[in-house]
Amino acid sequence: MTTDDRRLVAEAVATQLGRAGRSRRWLSEHAGIGYSTLRRRMQARSDFTVTELAAIALALDLSPAVLVPSPRGAGADS
């Protein structure tokens, strides 16, 4: 994952967390991700795993697709 992708995923998680009115601590507990690990991921210092994104989506009642950027070059015609 590139740094830009990592940042986009972290921003998506933060946005959805804000929309849900939940804290990082809450997400850590409900997604089963250690708080320090979640903090690192949300600071875009390391990549979220697929399992972590699935757990976050489940905790926030979202599709995991909401949390990942579209492939580069993918548009309405792709």
C-alpha atoms as a PDB file:
ATOM      1  CA  MET A   1       0.000   0.000   0.000  1.00  0.00           C
ATOM      2  CA  THR A   2       1.359   3.410  -0.861  1.00  0.00           C
ATOM      3  CA  THR A   3       1.587   6.219   1.657  1.00  0.00           C
ATOM      4  CA  ASP A   4      -1.250   8.020  -0.135  1.00  0.00           C
ATOM      5  CA  ASP A   5      -3.433   4.909  -0.001  1.00  0.00           C
ATOM      6  CA  ARG A   6      -2.611   4.433   3.666  1.00  0.00           C
ATOM      7  CA  ARG A   7      -3.635   8.035   4.342  1.00  0.00           C
ATOM      8  CA  LEU A   8      -6.881   7.656   2.360  1.00  0.00           C
ATOM      9  CA  VAL A   9      -7.865   4.539   4.295  1.00  0.00           C
ATOM     10  CA  ALA A  10      -7.051   6.221   7.624  1.00  0.00           C
ATOM     11  CA  GLU A  11      -9.139   9.246   6.611  1.00  0.00           C
ATOM     12  CA  ALA A  12     -12.048   7.005   5.590  1.00  0.00           C
ATOM     13  CA  VAL A  13     -11.956   5.223   8.940  1.00  0.00           C
ATOM     14  CA  ALA A  14     -11.804   8.554  10.790  1.00  0.00           C
ATOM     15  CA  THR A  15     -14.704   9.950   8.744  1.00  0.00           C
ATOM     16  CA  GLN A  16     -16.912   6.931   9.378  1.00  0.00           C
ATOM     17  CA  LEU A  17     -15.964   6.898  13.044  1.00  0.00           C
ATOM     18  CA  GLY A  18     -16.986  10.555  13.306  1.00  0.00           C
ATOM     19  CA  ARG A  19     -20.265   9.921  11.494  1.00  0.00           C
ATOM     20  CA  ALA A  20     -21.026   7.159  13.966  1.00  0.00           C
ATOM     21  CA  GLY A  21     -20.241   9.477  16.874  1.00  0.00           C
ATOM     22  CA  ARG A  22     -17.782   6.983  18.307  1.00  0.00           C
ATOM     23  CA  SER A  23     -14.278   7.321  19.736  1.00  0.00           C
ATOM     24  CA  ARG A  24     -11.087   5.520  18.807  1.00  0.00           C
ATOM     25  CA  ARG A  25     -11.206   3.810  22.182  1.00  0.00           C
ATOM     26  CA  TRP A  26     -14.717   2.517  21.415  1.00  0.00           C
ATOM     27  CA  LEU A  27     -13.595   1.296  17.997  1.00  0.00           C
ATOM     28  CA  SER A  28     -10.566  -0.404  19.479  1.00  0.00           C
ATOM     29  CA  GLU A  29     -12.754  -2.335  21.902  1.00  0.00           C
ATOM     30  CA  HIS A  30     -15.524  -3.217  19.431  1.00  0.00           C
ATOM     31  CA  ALA A  31     -13.249  -4.141  16.530  1.00  0.00           C
ATOM     32  CA  GLY A  32     -10.814  -6.090  18.705  1.00  0.00           C
ATOM     33  CA  ILE A  33      -7.810  -4.015  17.652  1.00  0.00           C
ATOM     34  CA  GLY A  34      -5.305  -2.877  20.267  1.00  0.00           C
ATOM     35  CA  TYR A  35      -5.626   0.843  20.925  1.00  0.00           C
ATOM     36  CA  SER A  36      -1.971   1.606  20.155  1.00  0.00           C
ATOM     37  CA  THR A  37      -2.221  -0.392  16.919  1.00  0.00           C
ATOM     38  CA  LEU A  38      -5.395   1.445  15.908  1.00  0.00           C
ATOM     39  CA  ARG A  39      -3.767   4.786  16.700  1.00  0.00           C
ATOM     40  CA  ARG A  40      -0.744   3.928  14.506  1.00  0.00           C
ATOM     41  CA  ARG A  41      -3.012   2.855  11.660  1.00  0.00           C
ATOM     42  CA  MET A  42      -5.140   5.999  11.920  1.00  0.00           C
ATOM     43  CA  GLN A  43      -2.009   8.140  11.862  1.00  0.00           C
ATOM     44  CA  ALA A  44      -1.163   6.360   8.579  1.00  0.00           C
ATOM     45  CA  ARG A  45       2.087   5.087  10.090  1.00  0.00           C
ATOM     46  CA  SER A  46       1.268   1.486   9.163  1.00  0.00           C
ATOM     47  CA  ASP A  47      -1.214  -0.383   6.973  1.00  0.00           C
ATOM     48  CA  PHE A  48      -4.568  -1.683   8.149  1.00  0.00           C
ATOM     49  CA  THR A  49      -4.906  -5.404   7.515  1.00  0.00           C
ATOM     50  CA  VAL A  50      -7.898  -6.774   5.616  1.00  0.00           C
ATOM     51  CA  THR A  51      -9.039  -8.445   8.829  1.00  0.00           C
ATOM     52  CA  GLU A  52      -8.839  -5.146  10.725  1.00  0.00           C
ATOM     53  CA  LEU A  53     -10.829  -3.314   8.050  1.00  0.00           C
ATOM     54  CA  ALA A  54     -13.473  -6.037   8.102  1.00  0.00           C
ATOM     55  CA  ALA A  55     -13.704  -5.795  11.909  1.00  0.00           C
ATOM     56  CA  ILE A  56     -13.961  -1.992  11.734  1.00  0.00           C
ATOM     57  CA  ALA A  57     -16.693  -2.217   9.101  1.00  0.00           C
ATOM     58  CA  LEU A  58     -18.592  -4.737  11.224  1.00  0.00           C
ATOM     59  CA  ALA A  59     -18.285  -2.579  14.348  1.00  0.00           C
ATOM     60  CA  LEU A  60     -19.519   0.490  12.448  1.00  0.00           C
ATOM     61  CA  ASP A  61     -22.182  -1.456  10.509  1.00  0.00           C
ATOM     62  CA  LEU A  62     -20.651  -0.566   7.129  1.00  0.00           C
ATOM     63  CA  SER A  63     -19.539  -2.287   3.976  1.00  0.00           C
ATOM     64  CA  PRO A  64     -15.748  -2.716   4.064  1.00  0.00           C
ATOM     65  CA  ALA A  65     -15.679  -1.127   0.588  1.00  0.00           C
ATOM     66  CA  VAL A  66     -16.485   2.231   2.204  1.00  0.00           C
ATOM     67  CA  LEU A  67     -13.092   2.134   3.914  1.00  0.00           C
ATOM     68  CA  VAL A  68     -10.840   1.466   0.925  1.00  0.00           C
ATOM     69  CA  PRO A  69      -9.953   3.809  -1.936  1.00  0.00           C
ATOM     70  CA  SER A  70     -11.013   3.037  -5.474  1.00  0.00           C
ATOM     71  CA  PRO A  71      -8.317   1.504  -7.670  1.00  0.00           C
ATOM     72  CA  ARG A  72      -6.207   4.080  -9.487  1.00  0.00           C
ATOM     73  CA  GLY A  73      -7.646   5.066 -12.804  1.00  0.00           C
ATOM     74  CA  ALA A  74     -11.024   3.518 -12.047  1.00  0.00           C
ATOM     75  CA  GLY A  75     -13.782   5.790 -13.143  1.00  0.00           C
ATOM     76  CA  ALA A  76     -17.404   5.529 -14.075  1.00  0.00           C
ATOM     77  CA  ASP A  77     -16.410   3.888 -17.375  1.00  0.00           C
ATOM     78  CA  SER A  78     -14.132   1.230 -15.833  1.00  0.00           C
END
